[in-house]
Amino acid sequence: MRKIVFVFREDGSVETDAQGFTGRNCIKVTEELLKGLDAKLETRKVKGEFYLHEKEKTRVNVSK
């Protein structure tokens, strides 16, 4: 199951944890969601799954 966890800190910073994603798909999805939230990441850390190939397409819907 794919899941993205957002942590909004009091200083205005945002932390994300994309779970169940492989390849660059996690970046695409989190960027789209952050855009919809009008938030921006200052730094990005990737997990080992980032270096695996994505086999399926993901569709993201953002509503305000």
PDB file of N, CA and C in Angstrom:
ATOM      1  N   MET A   1       0.840  -1.178   0.000  1.00  0.00           N
ATOM      2  CA  MET A   1       0.000   0.000   0.000  1.00  0.00           C
ATOM      3  C   MET A   1       0.890   1.247   0.000  1.00  0.00           C
ATOM      4  N   ARG A   2       0.568   2.180  -0.856  1.00  0.00           N
ATOM      5  CA  ARG A   2       1.328   3.425  -0.928  1.00  0.00           C
ATOM      6  C   ARG A   2       0.736   4.454   0.021  1.00  0.00           C
ATOM      7  N   LYS A   3       1.648   5.191   0.661  1.00  0.00           N
ATOM      8  CA  LYS A   3       1.203   6.152   1.657  1.00  0.00           C
ATOM      9  C   LYS A   3       2.251   7.252   1.741  1.00  0.00           C
ATOM     10  N   ILE A   4       1.794   8.498   1.902  1.00  0.00           N
ATOM     11  CA  ILE A   4       2.712   9.615   2.110  1.00  0.00           C
ATOM     12  C   ILE A   4       2.327  10.297   3.410  1.00  0.00           C
ATOM     13  N   VAL A   5       3.300  10.430   4.288  1.00  0.00           N
ATOM     14  CA  VAL A   5       3.097  11.067   5.580  1.00  0.00           C
ATOM     15  C   VAL A   5       3.745  12.449   5.535  1.00  0.00           C
ATOM     16  N   PHE A   6       2.988  13.468   5.921  1.00  0.00           N
ATOM     17  CA  PHE A   6       3.505  14.831   6.001  1.00  0.00           C
ATOM     18  C   PHE A   6       3.591  15.248   7.451  1.00  0.00           C
ATOM     19  N   VAL A   7       4.700  15.877   7.821  1.00  0.00           N
ATOM     20  CA  VAL A   7       4.861  16.450   9.154  1.00  0.00           C
ATOM     21  C   VAL A   7       5.129  17.939   8.950  1.00  0.00           C
ATOM     22  N   PHE A   8       4.209  18.770   9.452  1.00  0.00           N
ATOM     23  CA  PHE A   8       4.350  20.219   9.361  1.00  0.00           C
ATOM     24  C   PHE A   8       4.843  20.718  10.717  1.00  0.00           C
ATOM     25  N   ARG A   9       6.002  21.314  10.714  1.00  0.00           N
ATOM     26  CA  ARG A   9       6.615  21.781  11.957  1.00  0.00           C
ATOM     27  C   ARG A   9       6.249  23.238  12.234  1.00  0.00           C
ATOM     28  N   GLU A  10       6.375  23.624  13.489  1.00  0.00           N
ATOM     29  CA  GLU A  10       6.040  24.991  13.892  1.00  0.00           C
ATOM     30  C   GLU A  10       6.900  26.039  13.201  1.00  0.00           C
ATOM     31  N   ASP A  11       8.124  25.672  12.817  1.00  0.00           N
ATOM     32  CA  ASP A  11       9.013  26.636  12.154  1.00  0.00           C
ATOM     33  C   ASP A  11       8.674  26.789  10.669  1.00  0.00           C
ATOM     34  N   GLY A  12       7.622  26.095  10.197  1.00  0.00           N
ATOM     35  CA  GLY A  12       7.203  26.207   8.803  1.00  0.00           C
ATOM     36  C   GLY A  12       7.796  25.146   7.885  1.00  0.00           C
ATOM     37  N   SER A  13       8.716  24.342   8.383  1.00  0.00           N
ATOM     38  CA  SER A  13       9.313  23.301   7.546  1.00  0.00           C
ATOM     39  C   SER A  13       8.360  22.112   7.414  1.00  0.00           C
ATOM     40  N   VAL A  14       8.541  21.356   6.342  1.00  0.00           N
ATOM     41  CA  VAL A  14       7.696  20.200   6.061  1.00  0.00           C
ATOM     42  C   VAL A  14       8.596  18.989   5.855  1.00  0.00           C
ATOM     43  N   GLU A  15       8.218  17.876   6.460  1.00  0.00           N
ATOM     44  CA  GLU A  15       8.929  16.616   6.269  1.00  0.00           C
ATOM     45  C   GLU A  15       7.958  15.630   5.648  1.00  0.00           C
ATOM     46  N   THR A  16       8.420  14.862   4.661  1.00  0.00           N
ATOM     47  CA  THR A  16       7.570  13.851   4.047  1.00  0.00           C
ATOM     48  C   THR A  16       8.228  12.487   4.151  1.00  0.00           C
ATOM     49  N   ASP A  17       7.405  11.468   4.184  1.00  0.00           N
ATOM     50  CA  ASP A  17       7.890  10.090   4.152  1.00  0.00           C
ATOM     51  C   ASP A  17       6.990   9.326   3.184  1.00  0.00           C
ATOM     52  N   ALA A  18       7.519   9.005   2.009  1.00  0.00           N
ATOM     53  CA  ALA A  18       6.765   8.260   0.997  1.00  0.00           C
ATOM     54  C   ALA A  18       7.014   6.777   1.230  1.00  0.00           C
ATOM     55  N   GLN A  19       5.952   6.051   1.494  1.00  0.00           N
ATOM     56  CA  GLN A  19       6.052   4.627   1.808  1.00  0.00           C
ATOM     57  C   GLN A  19       5.380   3.807   0.713  1.00  0.00           C
ATOM     58  N   GLY A  20       6.031   2.741   0.286  1.00  0.00           N
ATOM     59  CA  GLY A  20       5.462   1.837  -0.701  1.00  0.00           C
ATOM     60  C   GLY A  20       5.726   2.239  -2.143  1.00  0.00           C
ATOM     61  N   PHE A  21       6.564   3.236  -2.367  1.00  0.00           N
ATOM     62  CA  PHE A  21       6.900   3.702  -3.708  1.00  0.00           C
ATOM     63  C   PHE A  21       8.266   3.170  -4.108  1.00  0.00           C
ATOM     64  N   THR A  22       8.494   3.041  -5.417  1.00  0.00           N
ATOM     65  CA  THR A  22       9.817   2.715  -5.928  1.00  0.00           C
ATOM     66  C   THR A  22      10.151   3.680  -7.056  1.00  0.00           C
ATOM     67  N   GLY A  23      11.417   3.870  -7.299  1.00  0.00           N
ATOM     68  CA  GLY A  23      11.859   4.761  -8.365  1.00  0.00           C
ATOM     69  C   GLY A  23      11.540   6.218  -8.073  1.00  0.00           C
ATOM     70  N   ARG A  24      11.556   7.030  -9.114  1.00  0.00           N
ATOM     71  CA  ARG A  24      11.327   8.467  -8.986  1.00  0.00           C
ATOM     72  C   ARG A  24       9.861   8.821  -8.765  1.00  0.00           C
ATOM     73  N   ASN A  25       9.006   7.819  -8.783  1.00  0.00           N
ATOM     74  CA  ASN A  25       7.579   8.059  -8.612  1.00  0.00           C
ATOM     75  C   ASN A  25       7.273   8.766  -7.297  1.00  0.00           C
ATOM     76  N   CYS A  26       8.014   8.460  -6.246  1.00  0.00           N
ATOM     77  CA  CYS A  26       7.777   9.100  -4.953  1.00  0.00           C
ATOM     78  C   CYS A  26       7.993  10.614  -5.042  1.00  0.00           C
ATOM     79  N   ILE A  27       8.987  11.027  -5.806  1.00  0.00           N
ATOM     80  CA  ILE A  27       9.259  12.455  -5.951  1.00  0.00           C
ATOM     81  C   ILE A  27       8.136  13.128  -6.730  1.00  0.00           C
ATOM     82  N   LYS A  28       7.688  12.504  -7.804  1.00  0.00           N
ATOM     83  CA  LYS A  28       6.602  13.076  -8.597  1.00  0.00           C
ATOM     84  C   LYS A  28       5.352  13.286  -7.752  1.00  0.00           C
ATOM     85  N   VAL A  29       4.998  12.272  -6.986  1.00  0.00           N
ATOM     86  CA  VAL A  29       3.777  12.343  -6.187  1.00  0.00           C
ATOM     87  C   VAL A  29       3.906  13.371  -5.069  1.00  0.00           C
ATOM     88  N   THR A  30       5.005  13.355  -4.326  1.00  0.00           N
ATOM     89  CA  THR A  30       5.146  14.307  -3.227  1.00  0.00           C
ATOM     90  C   THR A  30       5.222  15.745  -3.741  1.00  0.00           C
ATOM     91  N   GLU A  31       5.890  15.972  -4.868  1.00  0.00           N
ATOM     92  CA  GLU A  31       5.958  17.321  -5.427  1.00  0.00           C
ATOM     93  C   GLU A  31       4.572  17.838  -5.804  1.00  0.00           C
ATOM     94  N   GLU A  32       3.754  16.985  -6.395  1.00  0.00           N
ATOM     95  CA  GLU A  32       2.404  17.392  -6.783  1.00  0.00           C
ATOM     96  C   GLU A  32       1.559  17.711  -5.547  1.00  0.00           C
ATOM     97  N   LEU A  33       1.671  16.877  -4.533  1.00  0.00           N
ATOM     98  CA  LEU A  33       0.911  17.131  -3.306  1.00  0.00           C
ATOM     99  C   LEU A  33       1.396  18.395  -2.600  1.00  0.00           C
ATOM    100  N   LEU A  34       2.705  18.591  -2.532  1.00  0.00           N
ATOM    101  CA  LEU A  34       3.238  19.798  -1.899  1.00  0.00           C
ATOM    102  C   LEU A  34       2.815  21.049  -2.657  1.00  0.00           C
ATOM    103  N   LYS A  35       2.765  20.955  -3.962  1.00  0.00           N
ATOM    104  CA  LYS A  35       2.314  22.085  -4.779  1.00  0.00           C
ATOM    105  C   LYS A  35       0.871  22.444  -4.419  1.00  0.00           C
ATOM    106  N   GLY A  36       0.030  21.429  -4.278  1.00  0.00           N
ATOM    107  CA  GLY A  36      -1.363  21.649  -3.896  1.00  0.00           C
ATOM    108  C   GLY A  36      -1.505  22.224  -2.503  1.00  0.00           C
ATOM    109  N   LEU A  37      -0.542  21.928  -1.625  1.00  0.00           N
ATOM    110  CA  LEU A  37      -0.555  22.452  -0.257  1.00  0.00           C
ATOM    111  C   LEU A  37       0.171  23.787  -0.144  1.00  0.00           C
ATOM    112  N   ASP A  38       0.745  24.240  -1.251  1.00  0.00           N
ATOM    113  CA  ASP A  38       1.548  25.468  -1.271  1.00  0.00           C
ATOM    114  C   ASP A  38       2.702  25.381  -0.258  1.00  0.00           C
ATOM    115  N   ALA A  39       3.363  24.218  -0.242  1.00  0.00           N
ATOM    116  CA  ALA A  39       4.500  23.978   0.658  1.00  0.00           C
ATOM    117  C   ALA A  39       5.703  23.574  -0.183  1.00  0.00           C
ATOM    118  N   LYS A  40       6.891  23.719   0.401  1.00  0.00           N
ATOM    119  CA  LYS A  40       8.111  23.413  -0.333  1.00  0.00           C
ATOM    120  C   LYS A  40       9.104  22.709   0.582  1.00  0.00           C
ATOM    121  N   LEU A  41       9.761  21.667   0.050  1.00  0.00           N
ATOM    122  CA  LEU A  41      10.810  20.982   0.806  1.00  0.00           C
ATOM    123  C   LEU A  41      12.131  21.732   0.644  1.00  0.00           C
ATOM    124  N   GLU A  42      12.888  21.838   1.715  1.00  0.00           N
ATOM    125  CA  GLU A  42      14.202  22.464   1.638  1.00  0.00           C
ATOM    126  C   GLU A  42      15.281  21.447   1.297  1.00  0.00           C
ATOM    127  N   THR A  43      15.148  20.244   1.811  1.00  0.00           N
ATOM    128  CA  THR A  43      16.109  19.177   1.516  1.00  0.00           C
ATOM    129  C   THR A  43      15.337  17.894   1.224  1.00  0.00           C
ATOM    130  N   ARG A  44      15.988  16.974   0.527  1.00  0.00           N
ATOM    131  CA  ARG A  44      15.350  15.704   0.198  1.00  0.00           C
ATOM    132  C   ARG A  44      16.324  14.571   0.487  1.00  0.00           C
ATOM    133  N   LYS A  45      15.851  13.578   1.224  1.00  0.00           N
ATOM    134  CA  LYS A  45      16.605  12.352   1.447  1.00  0.00           C
ATOM    135  C   LYS A  45      15.837  11.234   0.756  1.00  0.00           C
ATOM    136  N   VAL A  46      16.535  10.389   0.042  1.00  0.00           N
ATOM    137  CA  VAL A  46      15.865   9.267  -0.621  1.00  0.00           C
ATOM    138  C   VAL A  46      16.242   7.960   0.072  1.00  0.00           C
ATOM    139  N   LYS A  47      15.328   7.001  -0.010  1.00  0.00           N
ATOM    140  CA  LYS A  47      15.550   5.680   0.572  1.00  0.00           C
ATOM    141  C   LYS A  47      16.071   4.739  -0.512  1.00  0.00           C
ATOM    142  N   GLY A  48      16.422   3.556  -0.152  1.00  0.00           N
ATOM    143  CA  GLY A  48      16.916   2.564  -1.095  1.00  0.00           C
ATOM    144  C   GLY A  48      15.920   2.246  -2.197  1.00  0.00           C
ATOM    145  N   GLU A  49      14.626   2.319  -1.883  1.00  0.00           N
ATOM    146  CA  GLU A  49      13.579   2.031  -2.861  1.00  0.00           C
ATOM    147  C   GLU A  49      13.613   3.004  -4.034  1.00  0.00           C
ATOM    148  N   PHE A  50      14.186   4.177  -3.821  1.00  0.00           N
ATOM    149  CA  PHE A  50      14.285   5.189  -4.868  1.00  0.00           C
ATOM    150  C   PHE A  50      15.056   4.638  -6.073  1.00  0.00           C
ATOM    151  N   TYR A  51      15.988   3.764  -5.821  1.00  0.00           N
ATOM    152  CA  TYR A  51      16.851   3.244  -6.880  1.00  0.00           C
ATOM    153  C   TYR A  51      16.268   2.017  -7.590  1.00  0.00           C
ATOM    154  N   LEU A  52      15.061   1.600  -7.208  1.00  0.00           N
ATOM    155  CA  LEU A  52      14.373   0.501  -7.877  1.00  0.00           C
ATOM    156  C   LEU A  52      13.507   1.061  -8.997  1.00  0.00           C
ATOM    157  N   HIS A  53      13.191   0.244  -9.988  1.00  0.00           N
ATOM    158  CA  HIS A  53      12.379   0.678 -11.116  1.00  0.00           C
ATOM    159  C   HIS A  53      10.897   0.598 -10.781  1.00  0.00           C
ATOM    160  N   GLU A  54      10.163   1.603 -11.211  1.00  0.00           N
ATOM    161  CA  GLU A  54       8.712   1.623 -11.026  1.00  0.00           C
ATOM    162  C   GLU A  54       8.056   0.853 -12.171  1.00  0.00           C
ATOM    163  N   LYS A  55       7.141  -0.049 -11.860  1.00  0.00           N
ATOM    164  CA  LYS A  55       6.506  -0.870 -12.881  1.00  0.00           C
ATOM    165  C   LYS A  55       5.118  -0.373 -13.271  1.00  0.00           C
ATOM    166  N   GLU A  56       4.513   0.453 -12.461  1.00  0.00           N
ATOM    167  CA  GLU A  56       3.165   0.898 -12.769  1.00  0.00           C
ATOM    168  C   GLU A  56       3.057   2.416 -12.631  1.00  0.00           C
ATOM    169  N   LYS A  57       2.066   2.985 -13.275  1.00  0.00           N
ATOM    170  CA  LYS A  57       1.853   4.425 -13.206  1.00  0.00           C
ATOM    171  C   LYS A  57       0.996   4.756 -11.991  1.00  0.00           C
ATOM    172  N   THR A  58       1.227   5.935 -11.439  1.00  0.00           N
ATOM    173  CA  THR A  58       0.438   6.401 -10.308  1.00  0.00           C
ATOM    174  C   THR A  58      -0.280   7.674 -10.712  1.00  0.00           C
ATOM    175  N   ARG A  59      -1.520   7.773 -10.324  1.00  0.00           N
ATOM    176  CA  ARG A  59      -2.316   8.959 -10.603  1.00  0.00           C
ATOM    177  C   ARG A  59      -2.556   9.690  -9.296  1.00  0.00           C
ATOM    178  N   VAL A  60      -2.366  10.999  -9.311  1.00  0.00           N
ATOM    179  CA  VAL A  60      -2.529  11.794  -8.100  1.00  0.00           C
ATOM    180  C   VAL A  60      -3.609  12.832  -8.341  1.00  0.00           C
ATOM    181  N   ASN A  61      -4.539  12.929  -7.403  1.00  0.00           N
ATOM    182  CA  ASN A  61      -5.557  13.968  -7.438  1.00  0.00           C
ATOM    183  C   ASN A  61      -5.381  14.840  -6.200  1.00  0.00           C
ATOM    184  N   VAL A  62      -5.299  16.140  -6.412  1.00  0.00           N
ATOM    185  CA  VAL A  62      -5.158  17.075  -5.303  1.00  0.00           C
ATOM    186  C   VAL A  62      -6.349  18.011  -5.338  1.00  0.00           C
ATOM    187  N   SER A  63      -7.038  18.124  -4.221  1.00  0.00           N
ATOM    188  CA  SER A  63      -8.160  19.056  -4.140  1.00  0.00           C
ATOM    189  C   SER A  63      -7.974  19.937  -2.928  1.00  0.00           C
ATOM    190  N   LYS A  64      -8.445  21.150  -3.029  1.00  0.00           N
ATOM    191  CA  LYS A  64      -8.313  22.100  -1.916  1.00  0.00           C
ATOM    192  C   LYS A  64      -9.633  22.251  -1.212  1.00  0.00           C
TER     193      LYS A  64
END
